[in-house]
Amino acid sequence: MEMSLWNKLGYTDNPYSPRPIEANELGVQLLVGREKELKKLQNYIKSSDTHATLEGPNGVGKTSLVAVTGYQLLSSFKDKQSQQALIPIPEPFQLSNKADSSLKCNFE
């Protein structure tokens, strides 16, 4: 495996990457300064009568926030801190206005 410039500088990846933070323990450590938003989103998701909606410009960390929140909620279930089994989707997806033939249903 070829070492990148970022690896040579001591980073595991490009710190300027636009990719969202992954839903794992490293993601929890990397999402710094968003504790208030994490707690608020967890409360919304755990509530049975609300649907959380995140809005904001591109690149502010909405997908990362959701990924880390989902990971933390799943971890709290596995650690028996919660009785709610909330399982996050493994990969983020984006909705578009383009028709996707793989999502169409044929009722003929």
PDB file of N, CA and C in Angstrom:
ATOM      1  N   MET A   1       0.848  -1.187   0.000  1.00  0.00           N
ATOM      2  CA  MET A   1       0.000   0.000   0.000  1.00  0.00           C
ATOM      3  C   MET A   1       0.894   1.252   0.000  1.00  0.00           C
ATOM      4  N   GLU A   2       0.589   2.150  -0.886  1.00  0.00           N
ATOM      5  CA  GLU A   2       1.369   3.374  -1.017  1.00  0.00           C
ATOM      6  C   GLU A   2       0.976   4.370   0.067  1.00  0.00           C
ATOM      7  N   MET A   3       1.953   4.983   0.677  1.00  0.00           N
ATOM      8  CA  MET A   3       1.688   5.984   1.707  1.00  0.00           C
ATOM      9  C   MET A   3       1.404   7.329   1.058  1.00  0.00           C
ATOM     10  N   SER A   4       0.351   7.974   1.496  1.00  0.00           N
ATOM     11  CA  SER A   4       0.011   9.284   0.956  1.00  0.00           C
ATOM     12  C   SER A   4       0.776  10.372   1.709  1.00  0.00           C
ATOM     13  N   LEU A   5       0.715  11.562   1.187  1.00  0.00           N
ATOM     14  CA  LEU A   5       1.327  12.709   1.855  1.00  0.00           C
ATOM     15  C   LEU A   5       0.759  12.864   3.256  1.00  0.00           C
ATOM     16  N   TRP A   6      -0.550  12.654   3.400  1.00  0.00           N
ATOM     17  CA  TRP A   6      -1.200  12.821   4.698  1.00  0.00           C
ATOM     18  C   TRP A   6      -0.716  11.780   5.693  1.00  0.00           C
ATOM     19  N   ASN A   7      -0.506  10.534   5.248  1.00  0.00           N
ATOM     20  CA  ASN A   7       0.042   9.506   6.126  1.00  0.00           C
ATOM     21  C   ASN A   7       1.443   9.891   6.590  1.00  0.00           C
ATOM     22  N   LYS A   8       2.245  10.417   5.677  1.00  0.00           N
ATOM     23  CA  LYS A   8       3.614  10.824   6.019  1.00  0.00           C
ATOM     24  C   LYS A   8       3.618  11.959   7.046  1.00  0.00           C
ATOM     25  N   LEU A   9       2.577  12.780   7.039  1.00  0.00           N
ATOM     26  CA  LEU A   9       2.469  13.884   7.996  1.00  0.00           C
ATOM     27  C   LEU A   9       1.816  13.458   9.312  1.00  0.00           C
ATOM     28  N   GLY A  10       1.435  12.176   9.408  1.00  0.00           N
ATOM     29  CA  GLY A  10       0.871  11.671  10.656  1.00  0.00           C
ATOM     30  C   GLY A  10      -0.646  11.585  10.690  1.00  0.00           C
ATOM     31  N   TYR A  11      -1.303  11.883   9.571  1.00  0.00           N
ATOM     32  CA  TYR A  11      -2.764  11.782   9.502  1.00  0.00           C
ATOM     33  C   TYR A  11      -3.155  10.419   8.948  1.00  0.00           C
ATOM     34  N   THR A  12      -4.340   9.952   9.295  1.00  0.00           N
ATOM     35  CA  THR A  12      -4.831   8.700   8.723  1.00  0.00           C
ATOM     36  C   THR A  12      -5.495   8.928   7.377  1.00  0.00           C
ATOM     37  N   ASP A  13      -5.916  10.172   7.107  1.00  0.00           N
ATOM     38  CA  ASP A  13      -6.585  10.503   5.853  1.00  0.00           C
ATOM     39  C   ASP A  13      -6.432  11.995   5.612  1.00  0.00           C
ATOM     40  N   ASN A  14      -6.877  12.446   4.479  1.00  0.00           N
ATOM     41  CA  ASN A  14      -6.860  13.855   4.130  1.00  0.00           C
ATOM     42  C   ASN A  14      -7.778  14.618   5.081  1.00  0.00           C
ATOM     43  N   PRO A  15      -7.244  15.546   5.888  1.00  0.00           N
ATOM     44  CA  PRO A  15      -8.100  16.272   6.835  1.00  0.00           C
ATOM     45  C   PRO A  15      -9.076  17.233   6.159  1.00  0.00           C
ATOM     46  N   TYR A  16      -8.912  17.465   4.868  1.00  0.00           N
ATOM     47  CA  TYR A  16      -9.801  18.359   4.132  1.00  0.00           C
ATOM     48  C   TYR A  16     -10.799  17.587   3.273  1.00  0.00           C
ATOM     49  N   SER A  17     -10.909  16.305   3.522  1.00  0.00           N
ATOM     50  CA  SER A  17     -11.799  15.459   2.730  1.00  0.00           C
ATOM     51  C   SER A  17     -13.252  15.875   2.952  1.00  0.00           C
ATOM     52  N   PRO A  18     -14.041  15.937   1.884  1.00  0.00           N
ATOM     53  CA  PRO A  18     -15.457  16.283   2.036  1.00  0.00           C
ATOM     54  C   PRO A  18     -16.321  15.093   2.455  1.00  0.00           C
ATOM     55  N   ARG A  19     -15.727  13.910   2.577  1.00  0.00           N
ATOM     56  CA  ARG A  19     -16.509  12.730   2.960  1.00  0.00           C
ATOM     57  C   ARG A  19     -17.014  12.873   4.396  1.00  0.00           C
ATOM     58  N   PRO A  20     -18.205  12.350   4.668  1.00  0.00           N
ATOM     59  CA  PRO A  20     -18.721  12.422   6.035  1.00  0.00           C
ATOM     60  C   PRO A  20     -17.912  11.542   6.988  1.00  0.00           C
ATOM     61  N   ILE A  21     -17.967  11.884   8.254  1.00  0.00           N
ATOM     62  CA  ILE A  21     -17.350  11.076   9.301  1.00  0.00           C
ATOM     63  C   ILE A  21     -18.117   9.763   9.388  1.00  0.00           C
ATOM     64  N   GLU A  22     -17.391   8.672   9.569  1.00  0.00           N
ATOM     65  CA  GLU A  22     -18.025   7.356   9.609  1.00  0.00           C
ATOM     66  C   GLU A  22     -18.674   7.080  10.963  1.00  0.00           C
ATOM     67  N   ALA A  23     -19.627   6.159  10.928  1.00  0.00           N
ATOM     68  CA  ALA A  23     -20.371   5.770  12.125  1.00  0.00           C
ATOM     69  C   ALA A  23     -19.596   4.691  12.875  1.00  0.00           C
ATOM     70  N   ASN A  24     -18.604   5.108  13.649  1.00  0.00           N
ATOM     71  CA  ASN A  24     -17.821   4.182  14.457  1.00  0.00           C
ATOM     72  C   ASN A  24     -17.192   4.964  15.613  1.00  0.00           C
ATOM     73  N   GLU A  25     -16.379   4.280  16.415  1.00  0.00           N
ATOM     74  CA  GLU A  25     -15.771   4.926  17.578  1.00  0.00           C
ATOM     75  C   GLU A  25     -14.841   6.073  17.164  1.00  0.00           C
ATOM     76  N   LEU A  26     -14.110   5.889  16.068  1.00  0.00           N
ATOM     77  CA  LEU A  26     -13.251   6.967  15.579  1.00  0.00           C
ATOM     78  C   LEU A  26     -14.089   8.172  15.169  1.00  0.00           C
ATOM     79  N   GLY A  27     -15.244   7.921  14.565  1.00  0.00           N
ATOM     80  CA  GLY A  27     -16.143   9.008  14.190  1.00  0.00           C
ATOM     81  C   GLY A  27     -16.609   9.803  15.398  1.00  0.00           C
ATOM     82  N   VAL A  28     -16.873   9.103  16.502  1.00  0.00           N
ATOM     83  CA  VAL A  28     -17.278   9.781  17.744  1.00  0.00           C
ATOM     84  C   VAL A  28     -16.165  10.717  18.203  1.00  0.00           C
ATOM     85  N   GLN A  29     -14.918  10.248  18.107  1.00  0.00           N
ATOM     86  CA  GLN A  29     -13.777  11.062  18.535  1.00  0.00           C
ATOM     87  C   GLN A  29     -13.541  12.242  17.590  1.00  0.00           C
ATOM     88  N   LEU A  30     -13.809  12.046  16.305  1.00  0.00           N
ATOM     89  CA  LEU A  30     -13.550  13.097  15.324  1.00  0.00           C
ATOM     90  C   LEU A  30     -14.609  14.193  15.299  1.00  0.00           C
ATOM     91  N   LEU A  31     -15.826  13.881  15.707  1.00  0.00           N
ATOM     92  CA  LEU A  31     -16.897  14.882  15.685  1.00  0.00           C
ATOM     93  C   LEU A  31     -16.788  15.724  16.957  1.00  0.00           C
ATOM     94  N   VAL A  32     -16.009  16.767  16.892  1.00  0.00           N
ATOM     95  CA  VAL A  32     -15.674  17.598  18.044  1.00  0.00           C
ATOM     96  C   VAL A  32     -16.543  18.847  18.065  1.00  0.00           C
ATOM     97  N   GLY A  33     -17.010  19.220  19.248  1.00  0.00           N
ATOM     98  CA  GLY A  33     -17.753  20.464  19.409  1.00  0.00           C
ATOM     99  C   GLY A  33     -19.219  20.392  19.017  1.00  0.00           C
ATOM    100  N   ARG A  34     -19.739  19.196  18.814  1.00  0.00           N
ATOM    101  CA  ARG A  34     -21.144  19.055  18.400  1.00  0.00           C
ATOM    102  C   ARG A  34     -21.956  18.282  19.442  1.00  0.00           C
ATOM    103  N   GLU A  35     -21.478  18.262  20.691  1.00  0.00           N
ATOM    104  CA  GLU A  35     -22.126  17.485  21.741  1.00  0.00           C
ATOM    105  C   GLU A  35     -23.584  17.896  21.959  1.00  0.00           C
ATOM    106  N   LYS A  36     -23.834  19.195  21.925  1.00  0.00           N
ATOM    107  CA  LYS A  36     -25.204  19.705  22.121  1.00  0.00           C
ATOM    108  C   LYS A  36     -26.125  19.211  21.005  1.00  0.00           C
ATOM    109  N   GLU A  37     -25.643  19.288  19.767  1.00  0.00           N
ATOM    110  CA  GLU A  37     -26.436  18.839  18.624  1.00  0.00           C
ATOM    111  C   GLU A  37     -26.631  17.321  18.655  1.00  0.00           C
ATOM    112  N   LEU A  38     -25.583  16.573  19.057  1.00  0.00           N
ATOM    113  CA  LEU A  38     -25.701  15.112  19.166  1.00  0.00           C
ATOM    114  C   LEU A  38     -26.790  14.731  20.154  1.00  0.00           C
ATOM    115  N   LYS A  39     -26.771  15.357  21.322  1.00  0.00           N
ATOM    116  CA  LYS A  39     -27.760  15.044  22.370  1.00  0.00           C
ATOM    117  C   LYS A  39     -29.169  15.394  21.904  1.00  0.00           C
ATOM    118  N   LYS A  40     -29.298  16.550  21.271  1.00  0.00           N
ATOM    119  CA  LYS A  40     -30.615  16.987  20.798  1.00  0.00           C
ATOM    120  C   LYS A  40     -31.151  16.039  19.719  1.00  0.00           C
ATOM    121  N   LEU A  41     -30.288  15.642  18.783  1.00  0.00           N
ATOM    122  CA  LEU A  41     -30.703  14.724  17.727  1.00  0.00           C
ATOM    123  C   LEU A  41     -31.051  13.352  18.303  1.00  0.00           C
ATOM    124  N   GLN A  42     -30.277  12.879  19.270  1.00  0.00           N
ATOM    125  CA  GLN A  42     -30.595  11.600  19.917  1.00  0.00           C
ATOM    126  C   GLN A  42     -31.977  11.649  20.556  1.00  0.00           C
ATOM    127  N   ASN A  43     -32.284  12.734  21.242  1.00  0.00           N
ATOM    128  CA  ASN A  43     -33.595  12.872  21.886  1.00  0.00           C
ATOM    129  C   ASN A  43     -34.720  12.884  20.856  1.00  0.00           C
ATOM    130  N   TYR A  44     -34.522  13.578  19.746  1.00  0.00           N
ATOM    131  CA  TYR A  44     -35.537  13.598  18.695  1.00  0.00           C
ATOM    132  C   TYR A  44     -35.747  12.210  18.095  1.00  0.00           C
ATOM    133  N   ILE A  45     -34.648  11.519  17.827  1.00  0.00           N
ATOM    134  CA  ILE A  45     -34.756  10.195  17.206  1.00  0.00           C
ATOM    135  C   ILE A  45     -35.415   9.202  18.159  1.00  0.00           C
ATOM    136  N   LYS A  46     -35.087   9.263  19.439  1.00  0.00           N
ATOM    137  CA  LYS A  46     -35.654   8.323  20.417  1.00  0.00           C
ATOM    138  C   LYS A  46     -37.126   8.598  20.706  1.00  0.00           C
ATOM    139  N   SER A  47     -37.583   9.806  20.451  1.00  0.00           N
ATOM    140  CA  SER A  47     -38.970  10.157  20.700  1.00  0.00           C
ATOM    141  C   SER A  47     -39.846   9.511  19.638  1.00  0.00           C
ATOM    142  N   SER A  48     -40.919   8.892  20.072  1.00  0.00           N
ATOM    143  CA  SER A  48     -41.781   8.185  19.119  1.00  0.00           C
ATOM    144  C   SER A  48     -42.724   9.113  18.369  1.00  0.00           C
ATOM    145  N   ASP A  49     -42.832  10.369  18.789  1.00  0.00           N
ATOM    146  CA  ASP A  49     -43.802  11.250  18.135  1.00  0.00           C
ATOM    147  C   ASP A  49     -43.150  12.369  17.316  1.00  0.00           C
ATOM    148  N   THR A  50     -41.852  12.262  17.044  1.00  0.00           N
ATOM    149  CA  THR A  50     -41.192  13.286  16.238  1.00  0.00           C
ATOM    150  C   THR A  50     -40.366  12.644  15.130  1.00  0.00           C
ATOM    151  N   HIS A  51     -40.102  13.421  14.108  1.00  0.00           N
ATOM    152  CA  HIS A  51     -39.228  13.006  13.007  1.00  0.00           C
ATOM    153  C   HIS A  51     -38.171  14.086  12.873  1.00  0.00           C
ATOM    154  N   ALA A  52     -36.944  13.708  13.115  1.00  0.00           N
ATOM    155  CA  ALA A  52     -35.854  14.694  13.049  1.00  0.00           C
ATOM    156  C   ALA A  52     -35.588  15.103  11.615  1.00  0.00           C
ATOM    157  N   THR A  53     -35.363  16.390  11.411  1.00  0.00           N
ATOM    158  CA  THR A  53     -34.998  16.930  10.107  1.00  0.00           C
ATOM    159  C   THR A  53     -33.817  17.861  10.320  1.00  0.00           C
ATOM    160  N   LEU A  54     -32.750  17.639   9.552  1.00  0.00           N
ATOM    161  CA  LEU A  54     -31.587  18.514   9.622  1.00  0.00           C
ATOM    162  C   LEU A  54     -31.521  19.342   8.356  1.00  0.00           C
ATOM    163  N   GLU A  55     -31.302  20.612   8.527  1.00  0.00           N
ATOM    164  CA  GLU A  55     -31.171  21.507   7.388  1.00  0.00           C
ATOM    165  C   GLU A  55     -29.898  22.313   7.533  1.00  0.00           C
ATOM    166  N   GLY A  56     -29.305  22.649   6.415  1.00  0.00           N
ATOM    167  CA  GLY A  56     -28.111  23.477   6.441  1.00  0.00           C
ATOM    168  C   GLY A  56     -27.394  23.402   5.119  1.00  0.00           C
ATOM    169  N   PRO A  57     -26.457  24.304   4.919  1.00  0.00           N
ATOM    170  CA  PRO A  57     -25.710  24.315   3.659  1.00  0.00           C
ATOM    171  C   PRO A  57     -24.849  23.060   3.508  1.00  0.00           C
ATOM    172  N   ASN A  58     -24.429  22.819   2.283  1.00  0.00           N
ATOM    173  CA  ASN A  58     -23.551  21.685   2.007  1.00  0.00           C
ATOM    174  C   ASN A  58     -22.273  21.792   2.817  1.00  0.00           C
ATOM    175  N   GLY A  59     -21.835  20.645   3.345  1.00  0.00           N
ATOM    176  CA  GLY A  59     -20.528  20.584   3.993  1.00  0.00           C
ATOM    177  C   GLY A  59     -20.455  21.006   5.436  1.00  0.00           C
ATOM    178  N   VAL A  60     -21.589  21.235   6.096  1.00  0.00           N
ATOM    179  CA  VAL A  60     -21.532  21.661   7.497  1.00  0.00           C
ATOM    180  C   VAL A  60     -21.510  20.490   8.475  1.00  0.00           C
ATOM    181  N   GLY A  61     -21.710  19.265   7.980  1.00  0.00           N
ATOM    182  CA  GLY A  61     -21.610  18.096   8.843  1.00  0.00           C
ATOM    183  C   GLY A  61     -22.910  17.416   9.206  1.00  0.00           C
ATOM    184  N   LYS A  62     -23.962  17.643   8.433  1.00  0.00           N
ATOM    185  CA  LYS A  62     -25.256  17.019   8.739  1.00  0.00           C
ATOM    186  C   LYS A  62     -25.162  15.495   8.679  1.00  0.00           C
ATOM    187  N   THR A  63     -24.568  14.950   7.623  1.00  0.00           N
ATOM    188  CA  THR A  63     -24.460  13.501   7.462  1.00  0.00           C
ATOM    189  C   THR A  63     -23.570  12.915   8.545  1.00  0.00           C
ATOM    190  N   SER A  64     -22.486  13.594   8.882  1.00  0.00           N
ATOM    191  CA  SER A  64     -21.598  13.129   9.951  1.00  0.00           C
ATOM    192  C   SER A  64     -22.331  13.100  11.285  1.00  0.00           C
ATOM    193  N   LEU A  65     -23.113  14.123  11.551  1.00  0.00           N
ATOM    194  CA  LEU A  65     -23.879  14.201  12.797  1.00  0.00           C
ATOM    195  C   LEU A  65     -24.865  13.040  12.902  1.00  0.00           C
ATOM    196  N   VAL A  66     -25.554  12.743  11.815  1.00  0.00           N
ATOM    197  CA  VAL A  66     -26.513  11.642  11.806  1.00  0.00           C
ATOM    198  C   VAL A  66     -25.791  10.303  11.981  1.00  0.00           C
ATOM    199  N   ALA A  67     -24.669  10.126  11.298  1.00  0.00           N
ATOM    200  CA  ALA A  67     -23.921   8.867  11.379  1.00  0.00           C
ATOM    201  C   ALA A  67     -23.439   8.604  12.800  1.00  0.00           C
ATOM    202  N   VAL A  68     -22.842   9.597  13.425  1.00  0.00           N
ATOM    203  CA  VAL A  68     -22.327   9.428  14.782  1.00  0.00           C
ATOM    204  C   VAL A  68     -23.471   9.246  15.774  1.00  0.00           C
ATOM    205  N   THR A  69     -24.558   9.969  15.596  1.00  0.00           N
ATOM    206  CA  THR A  69     -25.723   9.797  16.465  1.00  0.00           C
ATOM    207  C   THR A  69     -26.261   8.378  16.360  1.00  0.00           C
ATOM    208  N   GLY A  70     -26.397   7.871  15.143  1.00  0.00           N
ATOM    209  CA  GLY A  70     -26.872   6.500  14.948  1.00  0.00           C
ATOM    210  C   GLY A  70     -25.956   5.485  15.598  1.00  0.00           C
ATOM    211  N   TYR A  71     -24.661   5.689  15.452  1.00  0.00           N
ATOM    212  CA  TYR A  71     -23.693   4.785  16.079  1.00  0.00           C
ATOM    213  C   TYR A  71     -23.835   4.818  17.599  1.00  0.00           C
ATOM    214  N   GLN A  72     -23.958   6.003  18.173  1.00  0.00           N
ATOM    215  CA  GLN A  72     -24.092   6.113  19.626  1.00  0.00           C
ATOM    216  C   GLN A  72     -25.388   5.480  20.126  1.00  0.00           C
ATOM    217  N   LEU A  73     -26.479   5.641  19.376  1.00  0.00           N
ATOM    218  CA  LEU A  73     -27.743   5.032  19.781  1.00  0.00           C
ATOM    219  C   LEU A  73     -27.668   3.509  19.712  1.00  0.00           C
ATOM    220  N   LEU A  74     -27.048   2.969  18.681  1.00  0.00           N
ATOM    221  CA  LEU A  74     -26.868   1.523  18.578  1.00  0.00           C
ATOM    222  C   LEU A  74     -25.965   1.024  19.701  1.00  0.00           C
ATOM    223  N   SER A  75     -24.911   1.766  20.000  1.00  0.00           N
ATOM    224  CA  SER A  75     -23.992   1.382  21.075  1.00  0.00           C
ATOM    225  C   SER A  75     -24.693   1.370  22.430  1.00  0.00           C
ATOM    226  N   SER A  76     -25.569   2.340  22.667  1.00  0.00           N
ATOM    227  CA  SER A  76     -26.276   2.374  23.951  1.00  0.00           C
ATOM    228  C   SER A  76     -27.226   1.185  24.084  1.00  0.00           C
ATOM    229  N   PHE A  77     -27.775   0.706  22.969  1.00  0.00           N
ATOM    230  CA  PHE A  77     -28.613  -0.499  23.011  1.00  0.00           C
ATOM    231  C   PHE A  77     -27.759  -1.734  23.297  1.00  0.00           C
ATOM    232  N   LYS A  78     -26.628  -1.841  22.592  1.00  0.00           N
ATOM    233  CA  LYS A  78     -25.742  -2.991  22.794  1.00  0.00           C
ATOM    234  C   LYS A  78     -25.191  -3.039  24.215  1.00  0.00           C
ATOM    235  N   ASP A  79     -24.947  -1.865  24.809  1.00  0.00           N
ATOM    236  CA  ASP A  79     -24.423  -1.787  26.176  1.00  0.00           C
ATOM    237  C   ASP A  79     -25.527  -1.885  27.220  1.00  0.00           C
ATOM    238  N   LYS A  80     -26.761  -2.158  26.764  1.00  0.00           N
ATOM    239  CA  LYS A  80     -27.945  -2.295  27.624  1.00  0.00           C
ATOM    240  C   LYS A  80     -28.259  -1.015  28.418  1.00  0.00           C
ATOM    241  N   GLN A  81     -27.881   0.140  27.848  1.00  0.00           N
ATOM    242  CA  GLN A  81     -28.232   1.420  28.447  1.00  0.00           C
ATOM    243  C   GLN A  81     -29.585   1.907  27.940  1.00  0.00           C
ATOM    244  N   SER A  82     -30.062   1.282  26.878  1.00  0.00           N
ATOM    245  CA  SER A  82     -31.343   1.627  26.282  1.00  0.00           C
ATOM    246  C   SER A  82     -32.040   0.353  25.841  1.00  0.00           C
ATOM    247  N   GLN A  83     -33.361   0.355  25.899  1.00  0.00           N
ATOM    248  CA  GLN A  83     -34.126  -0.791  25.432  1.00  0.00           C
ATOM    249  C   GLN A  83     -34.592  -0.604  23.990  1.00  0.00           C
ATOM    250  N   GLN A  84     -34.353   0.565  23.424  1.00  0.00           N
ATOM    251  CA  GLN A  84     -34.721   0.838  22.037  1.00  0.00           C
ATOM    252  C   GLN A  84     -33.614   0.364  21.108  1.00  0.00           C
ATOM    253  N   ALA A  85     -33.951  -0.507  20.177  1.00  0.00           N
ATOM    254  CA  ALA A  85     -32.981  -0.972  19.186  1.00  0.00           C
ATOM    255  C   ALA A  85     -33.075  -0.070  17.964  1.00  0.00           C
ATOM    256  N   LEU A  86     -32.221   0.923  17.904  1.00  0.00           N
ATOM    257  CA  LEU A  86     -32.172   1.834  16.773  1.00  0.00           C
ATOM    258  C   LEU A  86     -30.940   1.485  15.963  1.00  0.00           C
ATOM    259  N   ILE A  87     -31.151   1.020  14.735  1.00  0.00           N
ATOM    260  CA  ILE A  87     -30.057   0.536  13.906  1.00  0.00           C
ATOM    261  C   ILE A  87     -29.884   1.490  12.730  1.00  0.00           C
ATOM    262  N   PRO A  88     -28.738   2.161  12.650  1.00  0.00           N
ATOM    263  CA  PRO A  88     -28.526   3.106  11.547  1.00  0.00           C
ATOM    264  C   PRO A  88     -28.289   2.387  10.232  1.00  0.00           C
ATOM    265  N   ILE A  89     -28.589   3.069   9.137  1.00  0.00           N
ATOM    266  CA  ILE A  89     -28.279   2.503   7.825  1.00  0.00           C
ATOM    267  C   ILE A  89     -26.759   2.526   7.656  1.00  0.00           C
ATOM    268  N   PRO A  90     -26.205   1.519   6.980  1.00  0.00           N
ATOM    269  CA  PRO A  90     -24.745   1.436   6.893  1.00  0.00           C
ATOM    270  C   PRO A  90     -24.098   2.509   6.019  1.00  0.00           C
ATOM    271  N   GLU A  91     -24.767   2.942   4.982  1.00  0.00           N
ATOM    272  CA  GLU A  91     -24.208   3.940   4.067  1.00  0.00           C
ATOM    273  C   GLU A  91     -25.192   5.089   3.899  1.00  0.00           C
ATOM    274  N   PRO A  92     -24.718   6.330   3.940  1.00  0.00           N
ATOM    275  CA  PRO A  92     -25.636   7.445   3.677  1.00  0.00           C
ATOM    276  C   PRO A  92     -26.101   7.418   2.232  1.00  0.00           C
ATOM    277  N   PHE A  93     -27.279   7.943   1.991  1.00  0.00           N
ATOM    278  CA  PHE A  93     -27.776   8.026   0.628  1.00  0.00           C
ATOM    279  C   PHE A  93     -28.330   9.420   0.400  1.00  0.00           C
ATOM    280  N   GLN A  94     -28.365   9.815  -0.842  1.00  0.00           N
ATOM    281  CA  GLN A  94     -28.869  11.128  -1.203  1.00  0.00           C
ATOM    282  C   GLN A  94     -30.074  10.957  -2.115  1.00  0.00           C
ATOM    283  N   LEU A  95     -31.110  11.685  -1.833  1.00  0.00           N
ATOM    284  CA  LEU A  95     -32.275  11.689  -2.705  1.00  0.00           C
ATOM    285  C   LEU A  95     -32.004  12.636  -3.856  1.00  0.00           C
ATOM    286  N   SER A  96     -32.530  12.304  -5.001  1.00  0.00           N
ATOM    287  CA  SER A  96     -32.397  13.205  -6.141  1.00  0.00           C
ATOM    288  C   SER A  96     -33.727  13.239  -6.880  1.00  0.00           C
ATOM    289  N   ASN A  97     -33.858  14.162  -7.787  1.00  0.00           N
ATOM    290  CA  ASN A  97     -35.092  14.251  -8.553  1.00  0.00           C
ATOM    291  C   ASN A  97     -35.018  13.432  -9.827  1.00  0.00           C
ATOM    292  N   LYS A  98     -33.919  12.717 -10.043  1.00  0.00           N
ATOM    293  CA  LYS A  98     -33.777  11.857 -11.212  1.00  0.00           C
ATOM    294  C   LYS A  98     -34.435  10.512 -10.928  1.00  0.00           C
ATOM    295  N   ALA A  99     -35.139   9.990 -11.898  1.00  0.00           N
ATOM    296  CA  ALA A  99     -35.788   8.696 -11.732  1.00  0.00           C
ATOM    297  C   ALA A  99     -34.733   7.598 -11.730  1.00  0.00           C
ATOM    298  N   ASP A 100     -34.848   6.709 -10.787  1.00  0.00           N
ATOM    299  CA  ASP A 100     -33.927   5.570 -10.676  1.00  0.00           C
ATOM    300  C   ASP A 100     -34.714   4.307 -10.992  1.00  0.00           C
ATOM    301  N   SER A 101     -34.377   3.670 -12.075  1.00  0.00           N
ATOM    302  CA  SER A 101     -35.144   2.508 -12.511  1.00  0.00           C
ATOM    303  C   SER A 101     -35.094   1.368 -11.504  1.00  0.00           C
ATOM    304  N   SER A 102     -34.047   1.298 -10.677  1.00  0.00           N
ATOM    305  CA  SER A 102     -33.958   0.216  -9.698  1.00  0.00           C
ATOM    306  C   SER A 102     -34.949   0.415  -8.549  1.00  0.00           C
ATOM    307  N   LEU A 103     -35.478   1.630  -8.389  1.00  0.00           N
ATOM    308  CA  LEU A 103     -36.437   1.884  -7.321  1.00  0.00           C
ATOM    309  C   LEU A 103     -37.888   1.805  -7.785  1.00  0.00           C
ATOM    310  N   LYS A 104     -38.121   1.648  -9.080  1.00  0.00           N
ATOM    311  CA  LYS A 104     -39.478   1.596  -9.595  1.00  0.00           C
ATOM    312  C   LYS A 104     -40.115   0.258  -9.303  1.00  0.00           C
ATOM    313  N   CYS A 105     -41.396   0.277  -9.027  1.00  0.00           N
ATOM    314  CA  CYS A 105     -42.149  -0.959  -8.802  1.00  0.00           C
ATOM    315  C   CYS A 105     -43.007  -1.250 -10.034  1.00  0.00           C
ATOM    316  N   ASN A 106     -43.079  -2.484 -10.379  1.00  0.00           N
ATOM    317  CA  ASN A 106     -43.897  -2.908 -11.526  1.00  0.00           C
ATOM    318  C   ASN A 106     -45.111  -3.632 -10.981  1.00  0.00           C
ATOM    319  N   PHE A 107     -46.289  -3.045 -11.169  1.00  0.00           N
ATOM    320  CA  PHE A 107     -47.518  -3.650 -10.651  1.00  0.00           C
ATOM    321  C   PHE A 107     -48.341  -4.299 -11.741  1.00  0.00           C
ATOM    322  N   GLU A 108     -47.739  -4.678 -12.853  1.00  0.00           N
ATOM    323  CA  GLU A 108     -48.483  -5.298 -13.942  1.00  0.00           C
ATOM    324  C   GLU A 108     -48.802  -6.734 -13.640  1.00  0.00           C
TER     325      GLU A 108
END
